[in-house]
Amino acid sequence: MKAVATAGRAGDVLIVFLKAPRAGSVKTRLARSIGDRAAAQLYRLLAAEEVRRTQPASGEYEQVFFFSPAEALPEMEAWMPGQRWIVQEGEDLGGRMAHAFAVVFGEGARRAAIIGSDAPWVSADHVRSALRALDDHDLVLGPARDGGYYLLALARPQPALFEGVAWSTPSVLTSTIENAGALGLTVRLLEVMGDIDTLEDVRREWDRLRPLIGDGALLAKLAAAIRA
């Protein structure tokens, strides 16, 4: 079962990549410090906050949700009802992103940006800035502190941009910029932002994270872990 995307009324689309929030399959690096269940709980909170912060004003752009694994559609619909869900397809992260851009541009998008679920501080303002920057640049990137990026925006499909990149390494941003240069694309960089993948990330962002977590077992577990 697969949902079908259509471009928003303004012709702009924000692609949101999400995984089913299952213990043992999300935030696996962080799970080494706090356990699979707590890592999955934190993933749900971070993803929901990023979705909330990037919610567009009416008609401004459309959020389209690409999910994995393929059999998780009922879980995703129960988690965030009323959204448009499309299965991620591709052999690696680059292939899945190239596929997502191909889908939304094929459905009529004028400009498109993509985000994941690791940077809860990404906002609609960041999305708007990225989409506007495409008027003068071919590629917009939001650099992450770990060497990746929290946002990527394009005005047309660029599948070669995602080839030959060592995903989940500190070279992702550099490799993407190198690919852009080889393709003759102009690049605009947004502000650098931290994401949440490891216990050190939690420790660094604790003052901002704590209000999202609230009180309870997850807060206690995270607080104990960053003190250890």
Protein backbone atom coordinates (compact mmCIF):
# COMPACT_ATOMS: atom_id res chain seq x y z
CA MET A 1 0.00 0.00 0.00
CA LYS A 2 1.55 3.31 -1.04
CA ALA A 3 0.31 6.86 -0.74
CA VAL A 4 0.65 9.23 -3.69
CA ALA A 5 2.21 12.69 -3.44
CA THR A 6 1.04 15.84 -5.11
CA ALA A 7 2.81 19.19 -5.03
CA GLY A 8 1.49 21.89 -2.70
CA ARG A 9 -0.52 24.82 -3.94
CA ALA A 10 2.59 27.02 -3.97
CA GLY A 11 4.50 24.39 -5.95
CA ASP A 12 7.00 23.86 -3.12
CA VAL A 13 7.46 20.65 -1.13
CA LEU A 14 9.22 19.72 2.08
CA ILE A 15 10.20 16.06 2.07
CA VAL A 16 10.39 14.57 5.57
CA PHE A 17 12.26 11.26 6.02
CA LEU A 18 11.07 9.18 8.96
CA LYS A 19 11.58 5.65 10.22
CA ALA A 20 9.07 3.61 12.15
CA PRO A 21 9.94 4.43 15.78
CA ARG A 22 10.80 0.87 16.74
CA ALA A 23 13.15 0.00 19.58
CA GLY A 24 16.39 -1.35 18.17
CA SER A 25 16.05 0.29 14.76
CA VAL A 26 16.30 4.03 15.49
CA LYS A 27 18.97 6.08 17.28
CA THR A 28 21.16 2.99 17.46
CA ARG A 29 24.33 4.89 18.42
CA LEU A 30 22.52 6.61 21.26
CA ALA A 31 20.92 3.30 22.27
CA ARG A 32 24.36 2.00 23.26
CA SER A 33 24.25 4.48 26.15
CA ILE A 34 20.55 4.58 27.11
CA GLY A 35 19.04 1.38 25.72
CA ASP A 36 16.83 0.63 22.73
CA ARG A 37 13.51 1.56 24.30
CA ALA A 38 14.63 4.95 25.58
CA ALA A 39 16.34 5.71 22.27
CA ALA A 40 13.10 4.97 20.41
CA GLN A 41 11.14 7.18 22.81
CA LEU A 42 13.57 10.04 22.22
CA TYR A 43 13.37 9.49 18.47
CA ARG A 44 9.60 9.92 18.58
CA LEU A 45 9.91 13.16 20.53
CA LEU A 46 12.60 14.63 18.27
CA ALA A 47 10.78 13.70 15.07
CA ALA A 48 7.47 15.09 16.30
CA GLU A 49 9.14 18.35 17.31
CA GLU A 50 10.82 18.73 13.93
CA VAL A 51 7.54 18.05 12.14
CA ARG A 52 5.81 20.62 14.35
CA ARG A 53 8.46 23.29 13.82
CA THR A 54 8.48 22.82 10.05
CA GLN A 55 4.69 22.89 9.70
CA PRO A 56 4.00 25.36 6.89
CA ALA A 57 1.58 28.23 6.85
CA SER A 58 -1.43 27.55 4.66
CA GLY A 59 -0.44 27.09 1.02
CA GLU A 60 3.21 27.98 1.62
CA TYR A 61 4.60 24.52 0.91
CA GLU A 62 3.50 20.93 1.45
CA GLN A 63 5.02 18.41 3.82
CA VAL A 64 5.34 14.98 2.22
CA PHE A 65 6.44 12.08 4.42
CA PHE A 66 8.67 9.27 3.12
CA PHE A 67 8.94 6.36 5.52
CA SER A 68 10.71 3.06 6.13
CA PRO A 69 10.42 0.11 6.40
CA ALA A 70 7.84 -0.56 3.71
CA GLU A 71 5.46 -2.58 5.92
CA ALA A 72 5.24 0.18 8.55
CA LEU A 73 2.47 2.27 6.93
CA PRO A 74 -0.14 1.46 9.61
CA GLU A 75 2.35 2.45 12.33
CA MET A 76 3.18 5.72 10.61
CA GLU A 77 -0.47 6.62 10.05
CA ALA A 78 -1.25 5.88 13.70
CA TRP A 79 1.75 7.94 14.84
CA MET A 80 1.01 11.02 12.71
CA PRO A 81 -2.52 10.80 11.33
CA GLY A 82 -3.61 12.76 8.30
CA GLN A 83 -0.22 12.99 6.60
CA ARG A 84 0.75 11.89 3.10
CA TRP A 85 3.00 8.81 3.38
CA ILE A 86 5.24 7.34 0.66
CA VAL A 87 7.59 4.38 1.02
CA GLN A 88 11.30 5.18 0.74
CA GLU A 89 12.95 3.35 -2.15
CA GLY A 90 16.65 2.98 -2.93
CA GLU A 91 19.69 0.90 -2.07
CA ASP A 92 21.22 3.48 0.30
CA LEU A 93 20.37 6.86 1.77
CA GLY A 94 21.50 8.65 -1.37
CA GLY A 95 19.32 6.47 -3.56
CA ARG A 96 16.35 7.01 -1.27
CA MET A 97 16.79 10.79 -1.35
CA ALA A 98 17.20 10.80 -5.14
CA HIS A 99 14.00 8.76 -5.42
CA ALA A 100 12.09 11.12 -3.12
CA PHE A 101 13.11 14.18 -5.14
CA ALA A 102 12.16 12.36 -8.36
CA VAL A 103 8.70 11.62 -6.95
CA VAL A 104 7.85 15.15 -5.83
CA PHE A 105 9.28 16.80 -8.95
CA GLY A 106 7.43 14.26 -11.07
CA GLU A 107 4.22 15.30 -9.30
CA GLY A 108 4.79 18.96 -10.21
CA ALA A 109 6.88 20.49 -7.42
CA ARG A 110 8.67 23.71 -8.38
CA ARG A 111 11.21 23.55 -5.55
CA ALA A 112 11.83 20.92 -2.89
CA ALA A 113 13.76 20.52 0.34
CA ILE A 114 14.44 17.41 2.40
CA ILE A 115 15.00 16.94 6.12
CA GLY A 116 15.43 13.95 8.39
CA SER A 117 14.51 13.61 12.05
CA ASP A 118 17.82 14.28 13.83
CA ALA A 119 17.72 18.09 14.12
CA PRO A 120 14.65 19.17 16.12
CA TRP A 121 15.66 22.83 15.87
CA VAL A 122 15.00 23.01 12.12
CA SER A 123 12.06 25.35 11.59
CA ALA A 124 9.75 26.58 8.87
CA ASP A 125 11.99 29.65 8.67
CA HIS A 126 14.92 27.43 7.66
CA VAL A 127 12.77 25.75 5.02
CA ARG A 128 11.55 29.08 3.65
CA SER A 129 15.12 30.44 3.53
CA ALA A 130 16.33 27.36 1.67
CA LEU A 131 13.53 27.47 -0.89
CA ARG A 132 14.04 31.20 -1.51
CA ALA A 133 17.77 30.67 -1.95
CA LEU A 134 17.01 28.37 -4.89
CA ASP A 135 16.08 31.47 -6.87
CA ASP A 136 19.83 32.23 -7.07
CA HIS A 137 21.50 28.88 -6.36
CA ASP A 138 21.14 25.31 -7.62
CA LEU A 139 21.68 23.61 -4.27
CA VAL A 140 21.11 24.69 -0.67
CA LEU A 141 22.61 22.77 2.25
CA GLY A 142 22.15 23.11 5.99
CA PRO A 143 25.45 21.89 7.47
CA ALA A 144 25.35 19.73 10.59
CA ARG A 145 28.12 19.82 13.18
CA ASP A 146 28.92 16.15 12.60
CA GLY A 147 29.91 16.70 8.96
CA GLY A 148 26.57 15.87 7.40
CA TYR A 149 23.62 18.11 6.68
CA TYR A 150 20.20 18.63 8.22
CA LEU A 151 18.56 20.03 5.08
CA LEU A 152 19.12 19.84 1.33
CA ALA A 153 17.11 21.78 -1.25
CA LEU A 154 16.93 21.58 -5.04
CA ALA A 155 14.99 23.20 -7.86
CA ARG A 156 15.20 20.09 -10.04
CA PRO A 157 16.26 16.44 -9.69
CA GLN A 158 20.00 15.87 -9.36
CA PRO A 159 20.47 12.11 -8.85
CA ALA A 160 24.24 12.27 -9.46
CA LEU A 161 24.56 14.57 -6.46
CA PHE A 162 23.97 11.60 -4.17
CA GLU A 163 26.39 9.17 -5.80
CA GLY A 164 29.70 8.08 -4.28
CA VAL A 165 28.96 9.54 -0.83
CA ALA A 166 30.04 7.60 2.27
CA TRP A 167 26.83 8.01 4.24
CA SER A 168 26.88 8.34 8.04
CA THR A 169 30.45 9.61 8.02
CA PRO A 170 31.95 13.08 8.69
CA SER A 171 32.65 13.48 4.95
CA VAL A 172 29.01 13.63 3.79
CA LEU A 173 28.79 17.41 3.46
CA THR A 174 32.21 17.72 1.83
CA SER A 175 31.48 14.92 -0.65
CA THR A 176 28.12 16.46 -1.54
CA ILE A 177 29.72 19.85 -2.20
CA GLU A 178 32.39 18.17 -4.32
CA ASN A 179 29.69 16.41 -6.33
CA ALA A 180 27.91 19.72 -6.78
CA GLY A 181 31.10 21.28 -8.12
CA ALA A 182 31.60 18.45 -10.58
CA LEU A 183 28.01 18.95 -11.78
CA GLY A 184 28.47 22.72 -12.15
CA LEU A 185 25.94 23.51 -9.42
CA THR A 186 26.08 26.68 -7.35
CA VAL A 187 25.78 26.10 -3.60
CA ARG A 188 24.35 28.14 -0.74
CA LEU A 189 25.06 27.12 2.86
CA LEU A 190 22.67 27.84 5.73
CA GLU A 191 23.70 28.15 9.38
CA VAL A 192 25.49 25.24 11.04
CA MET A 193 23.24 23.26 13.38
CA GLY A 194 23.69 20.35 15.75
CA ASP A 195 21.74 17.11 15.44
CA ILE A 196 21.06 14.40 17.99
CA ASP A 197 22.72 11.08 17.21
CA THR A 198 24.96 10.32 20.20
CA LEU A 199 25.09 10.80 23.96
CA GLU A 200 27.55 13.65 23.43
CA ASP A 201 24.96 15.37 21.25
CA VAL A 202 22.39 14.99 24.04
CA ARG A 203 24.85 16.41 26.55
CA ARG A 204 25.64 19.40 24.31
CA GLU A 205 21.98 20.20 23.61
CA TRP A 206 20.64 19.30 27.06
CA ASP A 207 19.32 22.75 27.97
CA ARG A 208 17.17 22.81 24.83
CA LEU A 209 16.27 19.12 24.92
CA ARG A 210 15.05 18.95 28.48
CA PRO A 211 11.81 20.91 27.92
CA LEU A 212 10.88 18.54 25.08
CA ILE A 213 11.35 15.47 27.21
CA GLY A 214 9.24 16.45 30.20
CA ASP A 215 9.32 14.48 33.43
CA GLY A 216 9.43 10.73 33.75
CA ALA A 217 11.59 7.69 33.14
CA LEU A 218 13.12 8.96 29.87
CA LEU A 219 14.29 12.19 31.50
CA ALA A 220 15.78 10.27 34.41
CA LYS A 221 17.59 7.85 32.10
CA LEU A 222 19.03 10.61 29.94
CA ALA A 223 20.05 12.72 32.92
CA ALA A 224 21.83 9.76 34.49
CA ALA A 225 23.58 8.94 31.21
CA ILE A 226 24.97 12.44 30.65
CA ARG A 227 26.20 12.57 34.24
CA ALA A 228 28.03 9.27 33.96
